[in-house]
């Protein structure tokens, strides 16, 4: 609706009748779109950058979980609770 208001093809009265919304609300939405569209579509948006990932700690965690999985797989296989065929 705000895009239709920006296009200017129809008057506020026509838009408010078509969408059953008060003209002041359309004007407000139009102003919000005009003020915020650059943030959404423009380069260098103000979206917070992602924090740096500590790859060493992630690799350490993967190694830890792999060891745990291998240990549990061996223990369950010895106990007969896990099939050797996988």
C-alpha atoms as a PDB file:
ATOM      1  CA  UNK A   1       0.000   0.000   0.000  1.00  0.00           C
ATOM      2  CA  UNK A   2       2.844   2.365   0.811  1.00  0.00           C
ATOM      3  CA  UNK A   3       4.442   1.505  -2.525  1.00  0.00           C
ATOM      4  CA  UNK A   4       1.183   2.346  -4.293  1.00  0.00           C
ATOM      5  CA  UNK A   5       1.150   5.675  -2.458  1.00  0.00           C
ATOM      6  CA  UNK A   6       4.732   6.375  -3.532  1.00  0.00           C
ATOM      7  CA  UNK A   7       3.950   5.533  -7.151  1.00  0.00           C
ATOM      8  CA  UNK A   8       1.310   8.239  -7.159  1.00  0.00           C
ATOM      9  CA  UNK A   9      -0.961   6.456  -9.638  1.00  0.00           C
ATOM     10  CA  UNK A  10      -3.952   6.966  -7.362  1.00  0.00           C
ATOM     11  CA  UNK A  11      -4.882   9.570  -4.787  1.00  0.00           C
ATOM     12  CA  UNK A  12      -4.854   8.951  -1.054  1.00  0.00           C
ATOM     13  CA  UNK A  13      -8.655   8.968  -1.101  1.00  0.00           C
ATOM     14  CA  UNK A  14      -8.719   6.251  -3.753  1.00  0.00           C
ATOM     15  CA  UNK A  15      -6.163   4.146  -1.883  1.00  0.00           C
ATOM     16  CA  UNK A  16      -7.959   4.532   1.432  1.00  0.00           C
ATOM     17  CA  UNK A  17     -11.224   3.464  -0.177  1.00  0.00           C
ATOM     18  CA  UNK A  18      -9.618   0.503  -1.949  1.00  0.00           C
ATOM     19  CA  UNK A  19      -7.761  -0.820   1.127  1.00  0.00           C
ATOM     20  CA  UNK A  20     -10.275   0.422   3.724  1.00  0.00           C
ATOM     21  CA  UNK A  21      -7.590   2.324   5.630  1.00  0.00           C
ATOM     22  CA  UNK A  22      -7.594   5.931   6.829  1.00  0.00           C
ATOM     23  CA  UNK A  23      -5.595   8.304   4.580  1.00  0.00           C
ATOM     24  CA  UNK A  24      -3.475   9.416   7.556  1.00  0.00           C
ATOM     25  CA  UNK A  25      -2.345   5.815   8.072  1.00  0.00           C
ATOM     26  CA  UNK A  26      -1.335   5.544   4.416  1.00  0.00           C
ATOM     27  CA  UNK A  27       0.625   8.788   4.718  1.00  0.00           C
ATOM     28  CA  UNK A  28       2.368   7.459   7.817  1.00  0.00           C
ATOM     29  CA  UNK A  29       3.303   4.173   6.130  1.00  0.00           C
ATOM     30  CA  UNK A  30       4.513   6.048   3.064  1.00  0.00           C
ATOM     31  CA  UNK A  31       6.776   8.234   5.220  1.00  0.00           C
ATOM     32  CA  UNK A  32       8.134   5.175   7.049  1.00  0.00           C
ATOM     33  CA  UNK A  33       8.900   3.453   3.755  1.00  0.00           C
ATOM     34  CA  UNK A  34      10.595   6.514   2.313  1.00  0.00           C
ATOM     35  CA  UNK A  35      12.668   6.967   5.458  1.00  0.00           C
ATOM     36  CA  UNK A  36      13.660   3.330   5.881  1.00  0.00           C
ATOM     37  CA  UNK A  37      13.918   1.975   2.347  1.00  0.00           C
ATOM     38  CA  UNK A  38      17.534   3.051   2.013  1.00  0.00           C
ATOM     39  CA  UNK A  39      18.437   1.000   5.085  1.00  0.00           C
ATOM     40  CA  UNK A  40      16.808  -2.088   3.625  1.00  0.00           C
ATOM     41  CA  UNK A  41      17.901  -1.858   0.003  1.00  0.00           C
ATOM     42  CA  UNK A  42      20.915   0.424   0.076  1.00  0.00           C
ATOM     43  CA  UNK A  43      24.571  -0.574   0.291  1.00  0.00           C
ATOM     44  CA  UNK A  44      26.235  -0.518   3.675  1.00  0.00           C
ATOM     45  CA  UNK A  45      23.103  -1.328   5.580  1.00  0.00           C
ATOM     46  CA  UNK A  46      23.233  -0.830   9.315  1.00  0.00           C
ATOM     47  CA  UNK A  47      22.836  -4.537  10.016  1.00  0.00           C
ATOM     48  CA  UNK A  48      25.147  -5.595  12.802  1.00  0.00           C
ATOM     49  CA  UNK A  49      28.101  -7.595  11.575  1.00  0.00           C
ATOM     50  CA  UNK A  50      28.456 -11.136  12.792  1.00  0.00           C
ATOM     51  CA  UNK A  51      31.035 -11.702  15.519  1.00  0.00           C
ATOM     52  CA  UNK A  52      34.272 -13.392  14.513  1.00  0.00           C
ATOM     53  CA  UNK A  53      34.152 -17.169  14.782  1.00  0.00           C
ATOM     54  CA  UNK A  54      36.851 -18.871  16.829  1.00  0.00           C
ATOM     55  CA  UNK A  55      37.690 -21.731  14.468  1.00  0.00           C
ATOM     56  CA  UNK A  56      40.174 -23.349  16.872  1.00  0.00           C
ATOM     57  CA  UNK A  57      37.569 -23.758  19.586  1.00  0.00           C
ATOM     58  CA  UNK A  58      35.057 -25.148  17.067  1.00  0.00           C
ATOM     59  CA  UNK A  59      37.589 -27.677  15.804  1.00  0.00           C
ATOM     60  CA  UNK A  60      38.372 -28.656  19.392  1.00  0.00           C
ATOM     61  CA  UNK A  61      34.677 -29.192  20.087  1.00  0.00           C
ATOM     62  CA  UNK A  62      34.297 -31.299  16.927  1.00  0.00           C
ATOM     63  CA  UNK A  63      37.249 -33.443  18.010  1.00  0.00           C
ATOM     64  CA  UNK A  64      35.796 -33.845  21.501  1.00  0.00           C
ATOM     65  CA  UNK A  65      32.405 -34.908  20.154  1.00  0.00           C
ATOM     66  CA  UNK A  66      34.024 -37.310  17.674  1.00  0.00           C
ATOM     67  CA  UNK A  67      35.933 -38.993  20.502  1.00  0.00           C
ATOM     68  CA  UNK A  68      32.762 -39.281  22.583  1.00  0.00           C
ATOM     69  CA  UNK A  69      30.831 -40.768  19.640  1.00  0.00           C
ATOM     70  CA  UNK A  70      33.594 -43.278  18.916  1.00  0.00           C
ATOM     71  CA  UNK A  71      33.766 -44.289  22.582  1.00  0.00           C
ATOM     72  CA  UNK A  72      30.012 -44.713  22.857  1.00  0.00           C
ATOM     73  CA  UNK A  73      29.833 -46.629  19.584  1.00  0.00           C
ATOM     74  CA  UNK A  74      32.500 -49.046  20.844  1.00  0.00           C
ATOM     75  CA  UNK A  75      30.825 -49.465  24.216  1.00  0.00           C
ATOM     76  CA  UNK A  76      27.382 -50.066  22.698  1.00  0.00           C
ATOM     77  CA  UNK A  77      28.804 -52.512  20.157  1.00  0.00           C
ATOM     78  CA  UNK A  78      30.531 -54.518  22.935  1.00  0.00           C
ATOM     79  CA  UNK A  79      27.292 -54.532  24.914  1.00  0.00           C
ATOM     80  CA  UNK A  80      25.424 -55.860  21.889  1.00  0.00           C
ATOM     81  CA  UNK A  81      23.118 -52.845  21.747  1.00  0.00           C
ATOM     82  CA  UNK A  82      24.486 -51.520  18.472  1.00  0.00           C
ATOM     83  CA  UNK A  83      24.635 -53.461  15.263  1.00  0.00           C
ATOM     84  CA  UNK A  84      28.094 -53.730  13.664  1.00  0.00           C
ATOM     85  CA  UNK A  85      26.446 -53.139  10.261  1.00  0.00           C
ATOM     86  CA  UNK A  86      25.677 -49.480   9.781  1.00  0.00           C
END
